[in-house]
Amino acid sequence: MKSDTNSGVSRPTTQSSSYRTPSTALFNILPSSWIPYAELMRLDRPAGYYAFFWHYAIGLSFAACVASSPPRPGTLVAMATYLAIWVVILRGAVCTWNDNLDQEFDRKVARCRFRPIARGAVSTAQGHIFAVAQVVVGAIMLVPLSPVVSAYAAVMTVILTIYPLGKRITDFPQVILGFGFAIPIFLCCAAIDADPLFQSEWFGPDELAASFGGACLYGASVLWTIIFDTVYAHQDIKDDIKAGVKSLAVRLGDQTKFGLGILGVIQVGLLLGAGYFCRLSTIYFVVSCGGAASALIAMLVLVDLKTPASCGWWFGPGSRLVGASVMAGLLGHYFLRLNF
């Protein structure tokens, strides 16, 4: 319903009046009793997965730029692969928890009414047990990494646990989501021993600059999530208003593009700040900052907030234009460090 943690590119609001099993290849081979749990993990909706994982890809790319000694490409690829698998579990736990808490809302929203818990394929108790099981598996997967990684993951999990409660009491649940989604900027740095917030020399000029740069990139990631999740929330805005669901989309209404435009300007400014403090090369400023700015402008001009399919596209493929731009510029600087 609302959050990009929960689904992929939307379907039009004129949906079938009956439930249909997802037709992707994975669901064709799963036992029928497993299908509702795979749906809770959103294994049939990859766009929400990308919304999670882009922050990890960017975080690892940033870590490669600020590490005292640039890691080998093989190290980055191995860590990215490991975290990509871990994010499947994390996203599944978050979506399961969200669906359990939102089940009454989901039954009132056309796009969400056939989710497993809302339609009764999984009970509330089963949903909670499944969520806890996924959290346990995720925690075990982090044991081989630095304890600081687990600490960041714990903070992120708490924030994402609070998120579904936020939409009941505040118009800014996207802000809560943004603070949680952006934590991988630091988590990934810690994963390769390049965390700018936990250093042996706190007061050295290079260390302070890296801390400020990391904070800027974190802030840019927060705003990126707020912007695109607000666009995503416009898919359900009519049903959300009827159901009493709060969101930034409901709050801004017809002023959404203006509000998101302001946030986009600040986001690009923070990306510039990250490059300045970390002394990144021209390729970062051109590709990361310029690319992100261009993609945000295109979104604000082209998205039709009254058309669910348009909102869904800009949440999915459209948002990847920003993520790919930021990551590409960072990797460009990293390869310069390697003298490619």
C-alpha atoms as a PDB file:
ATOM      1  CA  MET A   1       0.000   0.000   0.000  1.00  0.00           C
ATOM      2  CA  LYS A   2       1.932   3.253  -0.179  1.00  0.00           C
ATOM      3  CA  SER A   3       5.545   2.375   0.602  1.00  0.00           C
ATOM      4  CA  ASP A   4       8.129   1.424  -1.974  1.00  0.00           C
ATOM      5  CA  THR A   5       9.202  -1.290   0.410  1.00  0.00           C
ATOM      6  CA  ASN A   6       5.988  -3.039  -0.391  1.00  0.00           C
ATOM      7  CA  SER A   7       5.649  -3.452  -4.093  1.00  0.00           C
ATOM      8  CA  GLY A   8       6.862  -2.887  -7.550  1.00  0.00           C
ATOM      9  CA  VAL A   9       5.540  -0.917 -10.459  1.00  0.00           C
ATOM     10  CA  SER A  10       1.836  -0.599  -9.962  1.00  0.00           C
ATOM     11  CA  ARG A  11      -0.979  -2.010 -11.979  1.00  0.00           C
ATOM     12  CA  PRO A  12      -3.804   0.239 -13.097  1.00  0.00           C
ATOM     13  CA  THR A  13      -6.491   0.761 -10.494  1.00  0.00           C
ATOM     14  CA  THR A  14      -8.985  -1.120 -12.661  1.00  0.00           C
ATOM     15  CA  GLN A  15      -7.934  -4.535 -11.422  1.00  0.00           C
ATOM     16  CA  SER A  16      -9.533  -7.921 -11.444  1.00  0.00           C
ATOM     17  CA  SER A  17     -12.178  -8.463  -8.788  1.00  0.00           C
ATOM     18  CA  SER A  18     -10.634 -11.827  -7.886  1.00  0.00           C
ATOM     19  CA  TYR A  19      -7.204 -12.945  -6.769  1.00  0.00           C
ATOM     20  CA  ARG A  20      -4.743 -14.279  -9.334  1.00  0.00           C
ATOM     21  CA  THR A  21      -1.529 -16.124  -8.490  1.00  0.00           C
ATOM     22  CA  PRO A  22       1.584 -14.288  -9.737  1.00  0.00           C
ATOM     23  CA  SER A  23       2.734 -15.743 -13.046  1.00  0.00           C
ATOM     24  CA  THR A  24       6.492 -15.223 -12.737  1.00  0.00           C
ATOM     25  CA  ALA A  25       8.752 -18.256 -13.191  1.00  0.00           C
ATOM     26  CA  LEU A  26       9.494 -18.641  -9.480  1.00  0.00           C
ATOM     27  CA  PHE A  27       5.813 -18.882  -8.590  1.00  0.00           C
ATOM     28  CA  ASN A  28       5.281 -21.576 -11.200  1.00  0.00           C
ATOM     29  CA  ILE A  29       7.650 -23.944  -9.370  1.00  0.00           C
ATOM     30  CA  LEU A  30       6.876 -23.104  -5.736  1.00  0.00           C
ATOM     31  CA  PRO A  31       4.542 -25.386  -3.745  1.00  0.00           C
ATOM     32  CA  SER A  32       1.154 -23.723  -3.461  1.00  0.00           C
ATOM     33  CA  SER A  33       1.475 -23.434   0.328  1.00  0.00           C
ATOM     34  CA  TRP A  34       4.633 -21.336  -0.091  1.00  0.00           C
ATOM     35  CA  ILE A  35       3.156 -18.845  -2.525  1.00  0.00           C
ATOM     36  CA  PRO A  36       1.529 -16.530   0.056  1.00  0.00           C
ATOM     37  CA  TYR A  37       4.844 -16.251   1.924  1.00  0.00           C
ATOM     38  CA  ALA A  38       6.721 -15.512  -1.291  1.00  0.00           C
ATOM     39  CA  GLU A  39       4.148 -12.795  -1.949  1.00  0.00           C
ATOM     40  CA  LEU A  40       4.710 -11.371   1.531  1.00  0.00           C
ATOM     41  CA  MET A  41       8.397 -11.092   0.604  1.00  0.00           C
ATOM     42  CA  ARG A  42       7.356  -9.373  -2.666  1.00  0.00           C
ATOM     43  CA  LEU A  43       9.389 -11.843  -4.720  1.00  0.00           C
ATOM     44  CA  ASP A  44       7.033 -11.121  -7.611  1.00  0.00           C
ATOM     45  CA  ARG A  45       7.615  -7.352  -7.421  1.00  0.00           C
ATOM     46  CA  PRO A  46      11.271  -6.452  -7.937  1.00  0.00           C
ATOM     47  CA  ALA A  47      10.919  -2.654  -8.142  1.00  0.00           C
ATOM     48  CA  GLY A  48      10.637  -2.354  -4.374  1.00  0.00           C
ATOM     49  CA  TYR A  49      13.759  -4.498  -4.033  1.00  0.00           C
ATOM     50  CA  TYR A  50      15.702  -2.093  -6.199  1.00  0.00           C
ATOM     51  CA  ALA A  51      14.438   0.803  -4.066  1.00  0.00           C
ATOM     52  CA  PHE A  52      16.163  -0.927  -1.146  1.00  0.00           C
ATOM     53  CA  PHE A  53      19.305  -2.113  -2.859  1.00  0.00           C
ATOM     54  CA  TRP A  54      20.300   1.059  -4.709  1.00  0.00           C
ATOM     55  CA  HIS A  55      21.296   2.552  -1.365  1.00  0.00           C
ATOM     56  CA  TYR A  56      23.627  -0.394  -0.737  1.00  0.00           C
ATOM     57  CA  ALA A  57      25.169  -0.111  -4.191  1.00  0.00           C
ATOM     58  CA  ILE A  58      25.713   3.608  -3.666  1.00  0.00           C
ATOM     59  CA  GLY A  59      27.042   3.021  -0.144  1.00  0.00           C
ATOM     60  CA  LEU A  60      29.620   0.496  -1.359  1.00  0.00           C
ATOM     61  CA  SER A  61      30.634   2.801  -4.209  1.00  0.00           C
ATOM     62  CA  PHE A  62      31.070   5.675  -1.767  1.00  0.00           C
ATOM     63  CA  ALA A  63      33.067   3.468   0.597  1.00  0.00           C
ATOM     64  CA  ALA A  64      35.409   2.599  -2.253  1.00  0.00           C
ATOM     65  CA  CYS A  65      35.994   6.329  -2.773  1.00  0.00           C
ATOM     66  CA  VAL A  66      36.742   7.248   0.850  1.00  0.00           C
ATOM     67  CA  ALA A  67      38.575   4.142   2.092  1.00  0.00           C
ATOM     68  CA  SER A  68      42.160   4.924   3.051  1.00  0.00           C
ATOM     69  CA  SER A  69      43.236   2.240   0.607  1.00  0.00           C
ATOM     70  CA  PRO A  70      40.860   1.495  -2.283  1.00  0.00           C
ATOM     71  CA  PRO A  71      39.476  -2.052  -2.027  1.00  0.00           C
ATOM     72  CA  ARG A  72      39.934  -4.492  -4.860  1.00  0.00           C
ATOM     73  CA  PRO A  73      37.057  -4.742  -7.366  1.00  0.00           C
ATOM     74  CA  GLY A  74      36.598  -8.393  -6.410  1.00  0.00           C
ATOM     75  CA  THR A  75      36.070  -7.394  -2.780  1.00  0.00           C
ATOM     76  CA  LEU A  76      33.366  -4.913  -3.776  1.00  0.00           C
ATOM     77  CA  VAL A  77      31.619  -7.424  -6.028  1.00  0.00           C
ATOM     78  CA  ALA A  78      31.658 -10.104  -3.332  1.00  0.00           C
ATOM     79  CA  MET A  79      30.268  -7.737  -0.700  1.00  0.00           C
ATOM     80  CA  ALA A  80      27.622  -6.416  -3.098  1.00  0.00           C
ATOM     81  CA  THR A  81      26.510  -9.972  -3.878  1.00  0.00           C
ATOM     82  CA  TYR A  82      26.339 -10.905  -0.203  1.00  0.00           C
ATOM     83  CA  LEU A  83      24.345  -7.813   0.703  1.00  0.00           C
ATOM     84  CA  ALA A  84      22.063  -8.282  -2.304  1.00  0.00           C
ATOM     85  CA  ILE A  85      20.997 -11.643  -0.875  1.00  0.00           C
ATOM     86  CA  TRP A  86      20.667 -10.154   2.609  1.00  0.00           C
ATOM     87  CA  VAL A  87      18.401  -7.386   1.296  1.00  0.00           C
ATOM     88  CA  VAL A  88      15.958 -10.017  -0.017  1.00  0.00           C
ATOM     89  CA  ILE A  89      15.516 -11.191   3.581  1.00  0.00           C
ATOM     90  CA  LEU A  90      15.402  -7.679   5.043  1.00  0.00           C
ATOM     91  CA  ARG A  91      12.827  -6.481   2.560  1.00  0.00           C
ATOM     92  CA  GLY A  92      10.757  -9.600   3.150  1.00  0.00           C
ATOM     93  CA  ALA A  93      10.700  -9.010   6.902  1.00  0.00           C
ATOM     94  CA  VAL A  94       9.797  -5.334   6.525  1.00  0.00           C
ATOM     95  CA  CYS A  95       7.032  -6.032   4.009  1.00  0.00           C
ATOM     96  CA  THR A  96       5.597  -8.843   6.122  1.00  0.00           C
ATOM     97  CA  TRP A  97       5.494  -6.612   9.198  1.00  0.00           C
ATOM     98  CA  ASN A  98       3.971  -3.773   7.181  1.00  0.00           C
ATOM     99  CA  ASP A  99       1.277  -6.041   5.708  1.00  0.00           C
ATOM    100  CA  ASN A 100       0.316  -7.347   9.132  1.00  0.00           C
ATOM    101  CA  LEU A 101      -0.109  -3.889  10.586  1.00  0.00           C
ATOM    102  CA  ASP A 102      -1.793  -2.509   7.475  1.00  0.00           C
ATOM    103  CA  GLN A 103      -4.169  -5.371   6.750  1.00  0.00           C
ATOM    104  CA  GLU A 104      -7.315  -3.370   7.554  1.00  0.00           C
ATOM    105  CA  PHE A 105      -6.105  -0.494   5.386  1.00  0.00           C
ATOM    106  CA  ASP A 106      -5.135  -2.879   2.597  1.00  0.00           C
ATOM    107  CA  ARG A 107      -8.642  -4.310   2.379  1.00  0.00           C
ATOM    108  CA  LYS A 108      -9.890  -0.806   1.566  1.00  0.00           C
ATOM    109  CA  VAL A 109      -7.322  -0.072  -1.147  1.00  0.00           C
ATOM    110  CA  ALA A 110      -7.942  -1.596  -4.583  1.00  0.00           C
ATOM    111  CA  ARG A 111      -4.275  -2.285  -5.374  1.00  0.00           C
ATOM    112  CA  CYS A 112      -3.615  -3.974  -2.021  1.00  0.00           C
ATOM    113  CA  ARG A 113      -6.720  -5.926  -1.132  1.00  0.00           C
ATOM    114  CA  PHE A 114      -5.367  -9.262  -2.389  1.00  0.00           C
ATOM    115  CA  ARG A 115      -2.171  -9.213  -0.359  1.00  0.00           C
ATOM    116  CA  PRO A 116      -1.813 -12.524   1.541  1.00  0.00           C
ATOM    117  CA  ILE A 117      -2.778 -11.301   5.010  1.00  0.00           C
ATOM    118  CA  ALA A 118      -5.491  -8.959   3.753  1.00  0.00           C
ATOM    119  CA  ARG A 119      -7.163 -11.754   1.784  1.00  0.00           C
ATOM    120  CA  GLY A 120      -6.772 -14.297   4.602  1.00  0.00           C
ATOM    121  CA  ALA A 121      -4.213 -16.619   2.976  1.00  0.00           C
ATOM    122  CA  VAL A 122      -1.872 -15.982   5.930  1.00  0.00           C
ATOM    123  CA  SER A 123      -3.099 -15.336   9.463  1.00  0.00           C
ATOM    124  CA  THR A 124      -1.908 -12.469  11.614  1.00  0.00           C
ATOM    125  CA  ALA A 125      -0.015 -14.862  13.895  1.00  0.00           C
ATOM    126  CA  GLN A 126       1.602 -16.653  10.945  1.00  0.00           C
ATOM    127  CA  GLY A 127       2.625 -13.296   9.527  1.00  0.00           C
ATOM    128  CA  HIS A 128       4.334 -12.247  12.748  1.00  0.00           C
ATOM    129  CA  ILE A 129       6.137 -15.588  13.066  1.00  0.00           C
ATOM    130  CA  PHE A 130       7.326 -15.319   9.474  1.00  0.00           C
ATOM    131  CA  ALA A 131       8.557 -11.759  10.028  1.00  0.00           C
ATOM    132  CA  VAL A 132      10.521 -12.777  13.132  1.00  0.00           C
ATOM    133  CA  ALA A 133      12.009 -15.788  11.313  1.00  0.00           C
ATOM    134  CA  GLN A 134      13.277 -13.519   8.538  1.00  0.00           C
ATOM    135  CA  VAL A 135      14.788 -11.091  11.049  1.00  0.00           C
ATOM    136  CA  VAL A 136      16.627 -13.981  12.732  1.00  0.00           C
ATOM    137  CA  VAL A 137      17.988 -15.233   9.398  1.00  0.00           C
ATOM    138  CA  GLY A 138      19.080 -11.712   8.502  1.00  0.00           C
ATOM    139  CA  ALA A 139      20.832 -11.248  11.835  1.00  0.00           C
ATOM    140  CA  ILE A 140      22.715 -14.533  11.421  1.00  0.00           C
ATOM    141  CA  MET A 141      23.846 -13.480   7.946  1.00  0.00           C
ATOM    142  CA  LEU A 142      25.482 -10.363   9.394  1.00  0.00           C
ATOM    143  CA  VAL A 143      27.554 -12.256  11.987  1.00  0.00           C
ATOM    144  CA  PRO A 144      30.610 -12.646   9.691  1.00  0.00           C
ATOM    145  CA  LEU A 145      30.726  -8.868   9.161  1.00  0.00           C
ATOM    146  CA  SER A 146      31.849  -6.092  11.503  1.00  0.00           C
ATOM    147  CA  PRO A 147      29.708  -5.643  14.653  1.00  0.00           C
ATOM    148  CA  VAL A 148      29.230  -2.031  13.525  1.00  0.00           C
ATOM    149  CA  VAL A 149      27.338  -3.378  10.490  1.00  0.00           C
ATOM    150  CA  SER A 150      24.947  -5.206  12.796  1.00  0.00           C
ATOM    151  CA  ALA A 151      24.500  -2.035  14.863  1.00  0.00           C
ATOM    152  CA  TYR A 152      23.534  -0.053  11.770  1.00  0.00           C
ATOM    153  CA  ALA A 153      21.215  -2.851  10.662  1.00  0.00           C
ATOM    154  CA  ALA A 154      19.526  -2.863  14.065  1.00  0.00           C
ATOM    155  CA  VAL A 155      18.899   0.893  13.922  1.00  0.00           C
ATOM    156  CA  MET A 156      17.548   0.574  10.385  1.00  0.00           C
ATOM    157  CA  THR A 157      15.241  -2.264  11.388  1.00  0.00           C
ATOM    158  CA  VAL A 158      13.824  -0.232  14.276  1.00  0.00           C
ATOM    159  CA  ILE A 159      13.122   2.729  11.988  1.00  0.00           C
ATOM    160  CA  LEU A 160      11.460   0.550   9.349  1.00  0.00           C
ATOM    161  CA  THR A 161       9.429  -1.149  12.076  1.00  0.00           C
ATOM    162  CA  ILE A 162       8.108   2.258  13.136  1.00  0.00           C
ATOM    163  CA  TYR A 163       7.324   3.312   9.573  1.00  0.00           C
ATOM    164  CA  PRO A 164       3.866   1.667   9.201  1.00  0.00           C
ATOM    165  CA  LEU A 165       2.810   3.238  12.508  1.00  0.00           C
ATOM    166  CA  GLY A 166       3.854   6.661  11.240  1.00  0.00           C
ATOM    167  CA  LYS A 167       1.239   6.752   8.501  1.00  0.00           C
ATOM    168  CA  ARG A 168      -1.435   6.626  11.210  1.00  0.00           C
ATOM    169  CA  ILE A 169      -0.269   9.651  13.203  1.00  0.00           C
ATOM    170  CA  THR A 170       1.720  11.869  10.839  1.00  0.00           C
ATOM    171  CA  ASP A 171       1.599  13.182   7.284  1.00  0.00           C
ATOM    172  CA  PHE A 172       5.302  12.421   6.916  1.00  0.00           C
ATOM    173  CA  PRO A 173       5.746   8.621   6.875  1.00  0.00           C
ATOM    174  CA  GLN A 174       7.988   9.021   3.806  1.00  0.00           C
ATOM    175  CA  VAL A 175      10.438  10.931   6.008  1.00  0.00           C
ATOM    176  CA  ILE A 176      10.604   8.005   8.443  1.00  0.00           C
ATOM    177  CA  LEU A 177      11.129   5.647   5.517  1.00  0.00           C
ATOM    178  CA  GLY A 178      13.854   7.889   4.123  1.00  0.00           C
ATOM    179  CA  PHE A 179      15.864   7.903   7.351  1.00  0.00           C
ATOM    180  CA  GLY A 180      15.742   4.097   7.408  1.00  0.00           C
ATOM    181  CA  PHE A 181      16.488   3.540   3.734  1.00  0.00           C
ATOM    182  CA  ALA A 182      19.570   5.793   3.786  1.00  0.00           C
ATOM    183  CA  ILE A 183      21.400   4.000   6.617  1.00  0.00           C
ATOM    184  CA  PRO A 184      23.136   1.611   4.156  1.00  0.00           C
ATOM    185  CA  ILE A 185      25.331   4.554   3.153  1.00  0.00           C
ATOM    186  CA  PHE A 186      27.133   4.044   6.480  1.00  0.00           C
ATOM    187  CA  LEU A 187      26.413   0.320   6.848  1.00  0.00           C
ATOM    188  CA  CYS A 188      28.214  -0.466   3.595  1.00  0.00           C
ATOM    189  CA  CYS A 189      31.179   1.704   4.558  1.00  0.00           C
ATOM    190  CA  ALA A 190      31.452  -0.261   7.795  1.00  0.00           C
ATOM    191  CA  ALA A 191      31.266  -3.521   5.839  1.00  0.00           C
ATOM    192  CA  ILE A 192      34.607  -2.749   4.167  1.00  0.00           C
ATOM    193  CA  ASP A 193      36.163  -0.907   7.130  1.00  0.00           C
ATOM    194  CA  ALA A 194      35.687   2.576   5.687  1.00  0.00           C
ATOM    195  CA  ASP A 195      32.964   3.984   7.932  1.00  0.00           C
ATOM    196  CA  PRO A 196      33.409   7.790   8.109  1.00  0.00           C
ATOM    197  CA  LEU A 197      31.538   7.982  11.425  1.00  0.00           C
ATOM    198  CA  PHE A 198      33.662   5.474  13.368  1.00  0.00           C
ATOM    199  CA  GLN A 199      37.331   6.260  12.878  1.00  0.00           C
ATOM    200  CA  SER A 200      40.492   6.019  14.904  1.00  0.00           C
ATOM    201  CA  GLU A 201      41.346   9.657  14.249  1.00  0.00           C
ATOM    202  CA  TRP A 202      38.264  11.758  14.843  1.00  0.00           C
ATOM    203  CA  PHE A 203      39.883  15.155  14.526  1.00  0.00           C
ATOM    204  CA  GLY A 204      42.114  14.767  11.490  1.00  0.00           C
ATOM    205  CA  PRO A 205      41.092  17.032   8.581  1.00  0.00           C
ATOM    206  CA  ASP A 206      40.654  14.131   6.171  1.00  0.00           C
ATOM    207  CA  GLU A 207      38.549  12.171   8.648  1.00  0.00           C
ATOM    208  CA  LEU A 208      36.313  15.131   9.421  1.00  0.00           C
ATOM    209  CA  ALA A 209      35.862  15.846   5.722  1.00  0.00           C
ATOM    210  CA  ALA A 210      34.868  12.229   5.083  1.00  0.00           C
ATOM    211  CA  SER A 211      32.357  12.422   7.951  1.00  0.00           C
ATOM    212  CA  PHE A 212      30.786  15.569   6.505  1.00  0.00           C
ATOM    213  CA  GLY A 213      30.754  14.004   3.049  1.00  0.00           C
ATOM    214  CA  GLY A 214      29.078  10.866   4.349  1.00  0.00           C
ATOM    215  CA  ALA A 215      26.477  12.948   6.160  1.00  0.00           C
ATOM    216  CA  CYS A 216      25.734  14.840   2.929  1.00  0.00           C
ATOM    217  CA  LEU A 217      25.325  11.619   0.953  1.00  0.00           C
ATOM    218  CA  TYR A 218      23.115  10.204   3.712  1.00  0.00           C
ATOM    219  CA  GLY A 219      20.902  13.302   3.555  1.00  0.00           C
ATOM    220  CA  ALA A 220      20.703  13.075  -0.243  1.00  0.00           C
ATOM    221  CA  SER A 221      19.605   9.428   0.050  1.00  0.00           C
ATOM    222  CA  VAL A 222      16.933  10.372   2.598  1.00  0.00           C
ATOM    223  CA  LEU A 223      15.514  12.980   0.227  1.00  0.00           C
ATOM    224  CA  TRP A 224      15.688  10.620  -2.747  1.00  0.00           C
ATOM    225  CA  THR A 225      13.465   8.142  -0.898  1.00  0.00           C
ATOM    226  CA  ILE A 226      11.037  10.860   0.199  1.00  0.00           C
ATOM    227  CA  ILE A 227      10.706  12.165  -3.356  1.00  0.00           C
ATOM    228  CA  PHE A 228      10.079   8.890  -5.112  1.00  0.00           C
ATOM    229  CA  ASP A 229       7.961   7.311  -2.384  1.00  0.00           C
ATOM    230  CA  THR A 230       5.720  10.380  -2.432  1.00  0.00           C
ATOM    231  CA  VAL A 231       5.291   9.938  -6.191  1.00  0.00           C
ATOM    232  CA  TYR A 232       4.557   6.255  -5.550  1.00  0.00           C
ATOM    233  CA  ALA A 233       1.955   7.111  -2.910  1.00  0.00           C
ATOM    234  CA  HIS A 234      -0.053   9.086  -5.467  1.00  0.00           C
ATOM    235  CA  GLN A 235      -1.162   5.749  -6.955  1.00  0.00           C
ATOM    236  CA  ASP A 236      -3.434   5.149  -3.979  1.00  0.00           C
ATOM    237  CA  ILE A 237      -4.217   8.700  -2.930  1.00  0.00           C
ATOM    238  CA  LYS A 238      -8.003   8.468  -3.367  1.00  0.00           C
ATOM    239  CA  ASP A 239      -8.251   5.164  -1.499  1.00  0.00           C
ATOM    240  CA  ASP A 240      -5.818   6.396   1.163  1.00  0.00           C
ATOM    241  CA  ILE A 241      -7.931   9.469   1.851  1.00  0.00           C
ATOM    242  CA  LYS A 242     -11.034   7.301   2.242  1.00  0.00           C
ATOM    243  CA  ALA A 243      -9.197   4.824   4.476  1.00  0.00           C
ATOM    244  CA  GLY A 244      -7.648   7.560   6.633  1.00  0.00           C
ATOM    245  CA  VAL A 245      -4.053   6.779   5.656  1.00  0.00           C
ATOM    246  CA  LYS A 246      -1.714   9.735   6.076  1.00  0.00           C
ATOM    247  CA  SER A 247       1.142  10.510   3.693  1.00  0.00           C
ATOM    248  CA  LEU A 248       3.109  13.348   2.185  1.00  0.00           C
ATOM    249  CA  ALA A 249       1.188  12.784  -1.054  1.00  0.00           C
ATOM    250  CA  VAL A 250      -2.100  13.403   0.759  1.00  0.00           C
ATOM    251  CA  ARG A 251      -0.622  16.405   2.575  1.00  0.00           C
ATOM    252  CA  LEU A 252       0.815  18.091  -0.530  1.00  0.00           C
ATOM    253  CA  GLY A 253      -1.954  17.176  -2.965  1.00  0.00           C
ATOM    254  CA  ASP A 254      -1.819  19.465  -6.003  1.00  0.00           C
ATOM    255  CA  GLN A 255       1.357  21.098  -4.664  1.00  0.00           C
ATOM    256  CA  THR A 256       3.325  17.843  -4.774  1.00  0.00           C
ATOM    257  CA  LYS A 257       5.517  18.738  -7.734  1.00  0.00           C
ATOM    258  CA  PHE A 258       6.423  22.093  -6.223  1.00  0.00           C
ATOM    259  CA  GLY A 259       7.291  20.518  -2.884  1.00  0.00           C
ATOM    260  CA  LEU A 260       9.304  17.718  -4.441  1.00  0.00           C
ATOM    261  CA  GLY A 261      11.098  20.228  -6.633  1.00  0.00           C
ATOM    262  CA  ILE A 262      12.388  21.996  -3.526  1.00  0.00           C
ATOM    263  CA  LEU A 263      13.522  18.678  -2.048  1.00  0.00           C
ATOM    264  CA  GLY A 264      15.203  17.791  -5.338  1.00  0.00           C
ATOM    265  CA  VAL A 265      17.237  21.009  -5.305  1.00  0.00           C
ATOM    266  CA  ILE A 266      18.374  20.260  -1.748  1.00  0.00           C
ATOM    267  CA  GLN A 267      19.205  16.671  -2.722  1.00  0.00           C
ATOM    268  CA  VAL A 268      21.463  17.783  -5.560  1.00  0.00           C
ATOM    269  CA  GLY A 269      23.052  20.355  -3.237  1.00  0.00           C
ATOM    270  CA  LEU A 270      23.862  17.596  -0.752  1.00  0.00           C
ATOM    271  CA  LEU A 271      25.370  15.460  -3.514  1.00  0.00           C
ATOM    272  CA  LEU A 272      27.573  18.414  -4.429  1.00  0.00           C
ATOM    273  CA  GLY A 273      28.504  18.749  -0.750  1.00  0.00           C
ATOM    274  CA  ALA A 274      29.515  15.095  -0.576  1.00  0.00           C
ATOM    275  CA  GLY A 275      31.800  15.572  -3.540  1.00  0.00           C
ATOM    276  CA  TYR A 276      33.305  18.748  -2.119  1.00  0.00           C
ATOM    277  CA  PHE A 277      34.070  17.388   1.343  1.00  0.00           C
ATOM    278  CA  CYS A 278      35.445  14.091   0.031  1.00  0.00           C
ATOM    279  CA  ARG A 279      37.425  15.776  -2.734  1.00  0.00           C
ATOM    280  CA  LEU A 280      35.860  13.657  -5.434  1.00  0.00           C
ATOM    281  CA  SER A 281      36.880  14.068  -9.047  1.00  0.00           C
ATOM    282  CA  THR A 282      35.149  15.875 -11.892  1.00  0.00           C
ATOM    283  CA  ILE A 283      33.609  12.631 -13.123  1.00  0.00           C
ATOM    284  CA  TYR A 284      31.573  12.453  -9.908  1.00  0.00           C
ATOM    285  CA  PHE A 285      30.241  15.981 -10.268  1.00  0.00           C
ATOM    286  CA  VAL A 286      29.348  15.494 -13.930  1.00  0.00           C
ATOM    287  CA  VAL A 287      27.876  11.991 -13.758  1.00  0.00           C
ATOM    288  CA  SER A 288      26.504  11.727 -10.209  1.00  0.00           C
ATOM    289  CA  CYS A 289      25.361  15.291  -9.589  1.00  0.00           C
ATOM    290  CA  GLY A 290      24.506  16.172 -13.182  1.00  0.00           C
ATOM    291  CA  GLY A 291      22.828  12.854 -13.867  1.00  0.00           C
ATOM    292  CA  ALA A 292      20.751  12.936 -10.684  1.00  0.00           C
ATOM    293  CA  ALA A 293      19.678  16.529 -11.368  1.00  0.00           C
ATOM    294  CA  SER A 294      18.649  15.662 -14.931  1.00  0.00           C
ATOM    295  CA  ALA A 295      16.670  12.601 -13.814  1.00  0.00           C
ATOM    296  CA  LEU A 296      14.871  14.560 -11.085  1.00  0.00           C
ATOM    297  CA  ILE A 297      13.950  17.340 -13.507  1.00  0.00           C
ATOM    298  CA  ALA A 298      12.650  14.778 -16.013  1.00  0.00           C
ATOM    299  CA  MET A 299      10.518  13.146 -13.321  1.00  0.00           C
ATOM    300  CA  LEU A 300       8.979  16.425 -12.176  1.00  0.00           C
ATOM    301  CA  VAL A 301       8.177  17.406 -15.756  1.00  0.00           C
ATOM    302  CA  LEU A 302       6.946  14.075 -17.085  1.00  0.00           C
ATOM    303  CA  VAL A 303       5.221  12.255 -14.226  1.00  0.00           C
ATOM    304  CA  ASP A 304       1.439  12.393 -14.267  1.00  0.00           C
ATOM    305  CA  LEU A 305       0.465  12.158 -10.610  1.00  0.00           C
ATOM    306  CA  LYS A 306      -3.132  11.385 -11.539  1.00  0.00           C
ATOM    307  CA  THR A 307      -2.138   8.292 -13.524  1.00  0.00           C
ATOM    308  CA  PRO A 308      -1.084   5.285 -11.411  1.00  0.00           C
ATOM    309  CA  ALA A 309       0.938   3.730 -14.230  1.00  0.00           C
ATOM    310  CA  SER A 310       2.988   6.921 -14.602  1.00  0.00           C
ATOM    311  CA  CYS A 311       3.626   7.104 -10.846  1.00  0.00           C
ATOM    312  CA  GLY A 312       4.606   3.446 -10.836  1.00  0.00           C
ATOM    313  CA  TRP A 313       7.065   3.893 -13.691  1.00  0.00           C
ATOM    314  CA  TRP A 314       8.791   6.851 -12.093  1.00  0.00           C
ATOM    315  CA  PHE A 315       8.998   4.998  -8.808  1.00  0.00           C
ATOM    316  CA  GLY A 316      10.531   1.962 -10.544  1.00  0.00           C
ATOM    317  CA  PRO A 317      12.591   2.519 -13.709  1.00  0.00           C
ATOM    318  CA  GLY A 318      12.521   6.302 -13.285  1.00  0.00           C
ATOM    319  CA  SER A 319      14.098   6.290  -9.838  1.00  0.00           C
ATOM    320  CA  ARG A 320      16.825   3.980 -11.089  1.00  0.00           C
ATOM    321  CA  LEU A 321      18.049   6.789 -13.319  1.00  0.00           C
ATOM    322  CA  VAL A 322      18.991   8.672 -10.158  1.00  0.00           C
ATOM    323  CA  GLY A 323      20.545   5.651  -8.455  1.00  0.00           C
ATOM    324  CA  ALA A 324      22.525   4.624 -11.525  1.00  0.00           C
ATOM    325  CA  SER A 325      23.825   8.160 -12.010  1.00  0.00           C
ATOM    326  CA  VAL A 326      25.041   8.523  -8.427  1.00  0.00           C
ATOM    327  CA  MET A 327      26.636   5.075  -8.391  1.00  0.00           C
ATOM    328  CA  ALA A 328      28.287   5.519 -11.791  1.00  0.00           C
ATOM    329  CA  GLY A 329      29.946   8.782 -10.796  1.00  0.00           C
ATOM    330  CA  LEU A 330      31.250   7.287  -7.561  1.00  0.00           C
ATOM    331  CA  LEU A 331      32.580   4.221  -9.354  1.00  0.00           C
ATOM    332  CA  GLY A 332      34.217   6.495 -11.897  1.00  0.00           C
ATOM    333  CA  HIS A 333      36.140   8.193  -9.097  1.00  0.00           C
ATOM    334  CA  TYR A 334      36.977   4.801  -7.583  1.00  0.00           C
ATOM    335  CA  PHE A 335      38.461   3.536 -10.848  1.00  0.00           C
ATOM    336  CA  LEU A 336      40.519   6.703 -11.095  1.00  0.00           C
ATOM    337  CA  ARG A 337      41.948   5.821  -7.691  1.00  0.00           C
ATOM    338  CA  LEU A 338      42.917   2.446  -9.103  1.00  0.00           C
ATOM    339  CA  ASN A 339      44.633   4.174 -12.056  1.00  0.00           C
ATOM    340  CA  PHE A 340      42.442   2.439 -14.619  1.00  0.00           C
END
